[in-house]
Amino acid sequence: MRALLLASALLAAGAVAGHAADAENVQSLLGKGYMVVSSFMSTIGPGLFLQKEDSLYLCFVSEKPDTAELTTKYCKPVH
């Protein structure tokens, strides 16, 4: 039973890590032809809407005060 639980936990961790590697970010979406159509401030940081035709993503980014660099926290498709 303990081995089954351990194997399940390892498989779940691998699935999460694999999903994270495939996650979209602002840079990957821009590279696919998406354009920033709107931005806003939220309590978790700046939010961006990126659109390509009828596909829309909502991304949250973090910014550093001393640089123009933005780091993607996460992006998710809007359905």
N, C-alpha and C. Protein backbone atom coordinates (compact mmCIF):
# COMPACT_ATOMS: atom_id res chain seq x y z
N MET A 1 0.83 -1.19 0.00
CA MET A 1 0.00 0.00 0.00
C MET A 1 0.88 1.26 0.00
N ARG A 2 1.92 1.25 0.81
CA ARG A 2 2.81 2.40 0.89
C ARG A 2 3.50 2.63 -0.46
N ALA A 3 3.89 1.54 -1.12
CA ALA A 3 4.54 1.66 -2.44
C ALA A 3 3.58 2.25 -3.47
N LEU A 4 2.31 1.86 -3.40
CA LEU A 4 1.31 2.39 -4.32
C LEU A 4 1.12 3.89 -4.11
N LEU A 5 1.07 4.32 -2.87
CA LEU A 5 0.93 5.75 -2.57
C LEU A 5 2.14 6.54 -3.06
N LEU A 6 3.33 5.99 -2.84
CA LEU A 6 4.56 6.65 -3.28
C LEU A 6 4.59 6.75 -4.81
N ALA A 7 4.22 5.67 -5.49
CA ALA A 7 4.21 5.68 -6.95
C ALA A 7 3.19 6.70 -7.47
N SER A 8 2.04 6.78 -6.84
CA SER A 8 1.02 7.75 -7.25
C SER A 8 1.52 9.18 -7.07
N ALA A 9 2.18 9.43 -5.94
CA ALA A 9 2.71 10.76 -5.68
C ALA A 9 3.78 11.15 -6.70
N LEU A 10 4.65 10.20 -7.06
CA LEU A 10 5.69 10.48 -8.04
C LEU A 10 5.10 10.73 -9.42
N LEU A 11 4.10 9.98 -9.80
CA LEU A 11 3.45 10.20 -11.09
C LEU A 11 2.76 11.55 -11.13
N ALA A 12 2.10 11.92 -10.06
CA ALA A 12 1.43 13.21 -9.99
C ALA A 12 2.44 14.35 -10.08
N ALA A 13 3.56 14.22 -9.39
CA ALA A 13 4.59 15.26 -9.43
C ALA A 13 5.16 15.38 -10.83
N GLY A 14 5.35 14.27 -11.51
CA GLY A 14 5.86 14.30 -12.88
C GLY A 14 4.88 14.95 -13.82
N ALA A 15 3.60 14.70 -13.62
CA ALA A 15 2.57 15.31 -14.47
C ALA A 15 2.54 16.82 -14.28
N VAL A 16 2.67 17.27 -13.04
CA VAL A 16 2.68 18.71 -12.76
C VAL A 16 3.91 19.35 -13.37
N ALA A 17 5.08 18.71 -13.22
CA ALA A 17 6.31 19.27 -13.78
C ALA A 17 6.23 19.29 -15.30
N GLY A 18 5.69 18.27 -15.91
CA GLY A 18 5.54 18.24 -17.35
C GLY A 18 4.60 19.32 -17.84
N HIS A 19 3.53 19.54 -17.12
CA HIS A 19 2.57 20.57 -17.49
C HIS A 19 3.22 21.95 -17.37
N ALA A 20 4.01 22.16 -16.33
CA ALA A 20 4.66 23.46 -16.14
C ALA A 20 5.64 23.75 -17.27
N ALA A 21 6.30 22.72 -17.79
CA ALA A 21 7.25 22.92 -18.87
C ALA A 21 6.53 23.34 -20.15
N ASP A 22 5.27 22.93 -20.33
CA ASP A 22 4.50 23.26 -21.52
C ASP A 22 3.71 24.55 -21.37
N ALA A 23 3.78 25.19 -20.21
CA ALA A 23 2.96 26.37 -19.93
C ALA A 23 3.37 27.52 -20.84
N GLU A 24 2.36 28.26 -21.28
CA GLU A 24 2.61 29.45 -22.09
C GLU A 24 3.11 30.57 -21.21
N ASN A 25 3.89 31.48 -21.80
CA ASN A 25 4.28 32.70 -21.13
C ASN A 25 4.15 33.84 -22.12
N VAL A 26 4.33 35.05 -21.67
CA VAL A 26 4.13 36.21 -22.54
C VAL A 26 5.05 36.14 -23.75
N GLN A 27 6.30 35.79 -23.55
CA GLN A 27 7.26 35.72 -24.66
C GLN A 27 6.85 34.68 -25.70
N SER A 28 6.42 33.49 -25.24
CA SER A 28 6.04 32.45 -26.19
C SER A 28 4.78 32.84 -26.96
N LEU A 29 3.83 33.51 -26.29
CA LEU A 29 2.62 33.95 -26.97
C LEU A 29 2.92 35.04 -28.00
N LEU A 30 3.79 35.99 -27.64
CA LEU A 30 4.16 37.03 -28.60
C LEU A 30 4.85 36.42 -29.81
N GLY A 31 5.66 35.40 -29.57
CA GLY A 31 6.33 34.70 -30.66
C GLY A 31 5.38 33.96 -31.58
N LYS A 32 4.19 33.64 -31.08
CA LYS A 32 3.18 32.94 -31.87
C LYS A 32 2.22 33.92 -32.55
N GLY A 33 2.52 35.20 -32.47
CA GLY A 33 1.69 36.19 -33.16
C GLY A 33 0.61 36.84 -32.32
N TYR A 34 0.57 36.57 -31.02
CA TYR A 34 -0.40 37.22 -30.15
C TYR A 34 0.03 38.67 -29.94
N MET A 35 -0.95 39.54 -29.71
CA MET A 35 -0.67 40.94 -29.44
C MET A 35 -1.28 41.33 -28.10
N VAL A 36 -0.62 42.22 -27.38
CA VAL A 36 -1.16 42.74 -26.13
C VAL A 36 -2.28 43.71 -26.50
N VAL A 37 -3.50 43.39 -26.05
CA VAL A 37 -4.66 44.23 -26.39
C VAL A 37 -5.14 45.05 -25.19
N SER A 38 -4.69 44.69 -23.99
CA SER A 38 -5.11 45.44 -22.81
C SER A 38 -4.17 45.11 -21.66
N SER A 39 -4.06 46.05 -20.74
CA SER A 39 -3.28 45.82 -19.52
C SER A 39 -4.00 46.47 -18.36
N PHE A 40 -3.74 45.96 -17.17
CA PHE A 40 -4.38 46.50 -15.97
C PHE A 40 -3.54 46.14 -14.75
N MET A 41 -3.72 46.86 -13.68
CA MET A 41 -3.05 46.55 -12.42
C MET A 41 -4.01 45.74 -11.55
N SER A 42 -3.45 44.77 -10.85
CA SER A 42 -4.24 43.97 -9.92
C SER A 42 -3.46 43.82 -8.63
N THR A 43 -4.04 43.19 -7.67
CA THR A 43 -3.36 43.00 -6.39
C THR A 43 -2.21 42.01 -6.49
N ILE A 44 -2.18 41.19 -7.54
CA ILE A 44 -1.08 40.24 -7.70
C ILE A 44 -0.05 40.71 -8.72
N GLY A 45 -0.25 41.92 -9.26
CA GLY A 45 0.70 42.48 -10.22
C GLY A 45 0.01 42.83 -11.52
N PRO A 46 0.79 43.36 -12.46
CA PRO A 46 0.21 43.75 -13.74
C PRO A 46 -0.40 42.56 -14.47
N GLY A 47 -1.55 42.79 -15.11
CA GLY A 47 -2.21 41.78 -15.91
C GLY A 47 -2.22 42.21 -17.37
N LEU A 48 -2.08 41.25 -18.26
CA LEU A 48 -2.09 41.52 -19.69
C LEU A 48 -3.07 40.60 -20.39
N PHE A 49 -3.83 41.14 -21.32
CA PHE A 49 -4.64 40.32 -22.21
C PHE A 49 -3.91 40.25 -23.54
N LEU A 50 -3.66 39.04 -24.03
CA LEU A 50 -3.03 38.84 -25.32
C LEU A 50 -4.01 38.13 -26.23
N GLN A 51 -4.15 38.62 -27.47
CA GLN A 51 -5.14 38.07 -28.38
C GLN A 51 -4.54 37.80 -29.75
N LYS A 52 -5.01 36.70 -30.34
CA LYS A 52 -4.71 36.35 -31.73
C LYS A 52 -6.00 35.78 -32.31
N GLU A 53 -6.58 36.51 -33.26
CA GLU A 53 -7.86 36.14 -33.85
C GLU A 53 -8.90 35.97 -32.74
N ASP A 54 -9.48 34.77 -32.58
CA ASP A 54 -10.50 34.58 -31.55
C ASP A 54 -9.96 33.89 -30.30
N SER A 55 -8.64 33.81 -30.17
CA SER A 55 -8.00 33.19 -29.01
C SER A 55 -7.49 34.29 -28.07
N LEU A 56 -7.82 34.17 -26.79
CA LEU A 56 -7.47 35.20 -25.81
C LEU A 56 -6.81 34.56 -24.60
N TYR A 57 -5.70 35.14 -24.14
CA TYR A 57 -5.01 34.69 -22.93
C TYR A 57 -4.95 35.83 -21.93
N LEU A 58 -5.05 35.48 -20.67
CA LEU A 58 -4.83 36.40 -19.56
C LEU A 58 -3.53 36.00 -18.90
N CYS A 59 -2.60 36.95 -18.80
CA CYS A 59 -1.30 36.68 -18.18
C CYS A 59 -1.05 37.67 -17.05
N PHE A 60 -0.41 37.19 -16.01
CA PHE A 60 0.03 38.05 -14.92
C PHE A 60 1.54 38.03 -14.91
N VAL A 61 2.13 39.21 -14.73
CA VAL A 61 3.58 39.35 -14.78
C VAL A 61 4.07 40.04 -13.52
N SER A 62 5.35 39.95 -13.29
CA SER A 62 5.97 40.72 -12.21
C SER A 62 7.00 41.63 -12.85
N GLU A 63 7.19 42.75 -12.25
CA GLU A 63 8.14 43.73 -12.79
C GLU A 63 9.16 44.10 -11.74
N LYS A 64 10.32 44.53 -12.21
CA LYS A 64 11.37 44.99 -11.32
C LYS A 64 11.50 46.50 -11.51
N PRO A 65 11.55 47.26 -10.43
CA PRO A 65 11.56 48.72 -10.55
C PRO A 65 12.78 49.27 -11.30
N ASP A 66 13.90 48.57 -11.25
CA ASP A 66 15.13 49.11 -11.85
C ASP A 66 15.40 48.61 -13.27
N THR A 67 14.44 47.90 -13.87
CA THR A 67 14.62 47.38 -15.22
C THR A 67 13.28 47.32 -15.95
N ALA A 68 13.34 47.25 -17.26
CA ALA A 68 12.11 47.15 -18.05
C ALA A 68 11.67 45.71 -18.22
N GLU A 69 12.40 44.77 -17.64
CA GLU A 69 12.09 43.35 -17.79
C GLU A 69 10.83 42.95 -17.03
N LEU A 70 9.99 42.14 -17.69
CA LEU A 70 8.81 41.55 -17.07
C LEU A 70 9.00 40.05 -17.02
N THR A 71 8.60 39.44 -15.92
CA THR A 71 8.66 37.99 -15.77
C THR A 71 7.24 37.47 -15.66
N THR A 72 6.92 36.46 -16.46
CA THR A 72 5.57 35.89 -16.44
C THR A 72 5.35 35.07 -15.19
N LYS A 73 4.29 35.39 -14.44
CA LYS A 73 3.88 34.55 -13.31
C LYS A 73 3.11 33.36 -13.84
N TYR A 74 2.08 33.63 -14.64
CA TYR A 74 1.34 32.57 -15.32
C TYR A 74 0.43 33.16 -16.37
N CYS A 75 0.06 32.31 -17.33
CA CYS A 75 -0.90 32.67 -18.37
C CYS A 75 -1.94 31.57 -18.45
N LYS A 76 -3.16 31.97 -18.74
CA LYS A 76 -4.22 30.97 -18.92
C LYS A 76 -5.16 31.44 -20.01
N PRO A 77 -5.66 30.48 -20.78
CA PRO A 77 -6.61 30.85 -21.84
C PRO A 77 -7.94 31.31 -21.25
N VAL A 78 -8.56 32.27 -21.89
CA VAL A 78 -9.88 32.75 -21.49
C VAL A 78 -10.88 32.11 -22.44
N HIS A 79 -11.84 31.42 -21.88
CA HIS A 79 -12.82 30.70 -22.72
C HIS A 79 -14.11 31.46 -22.81
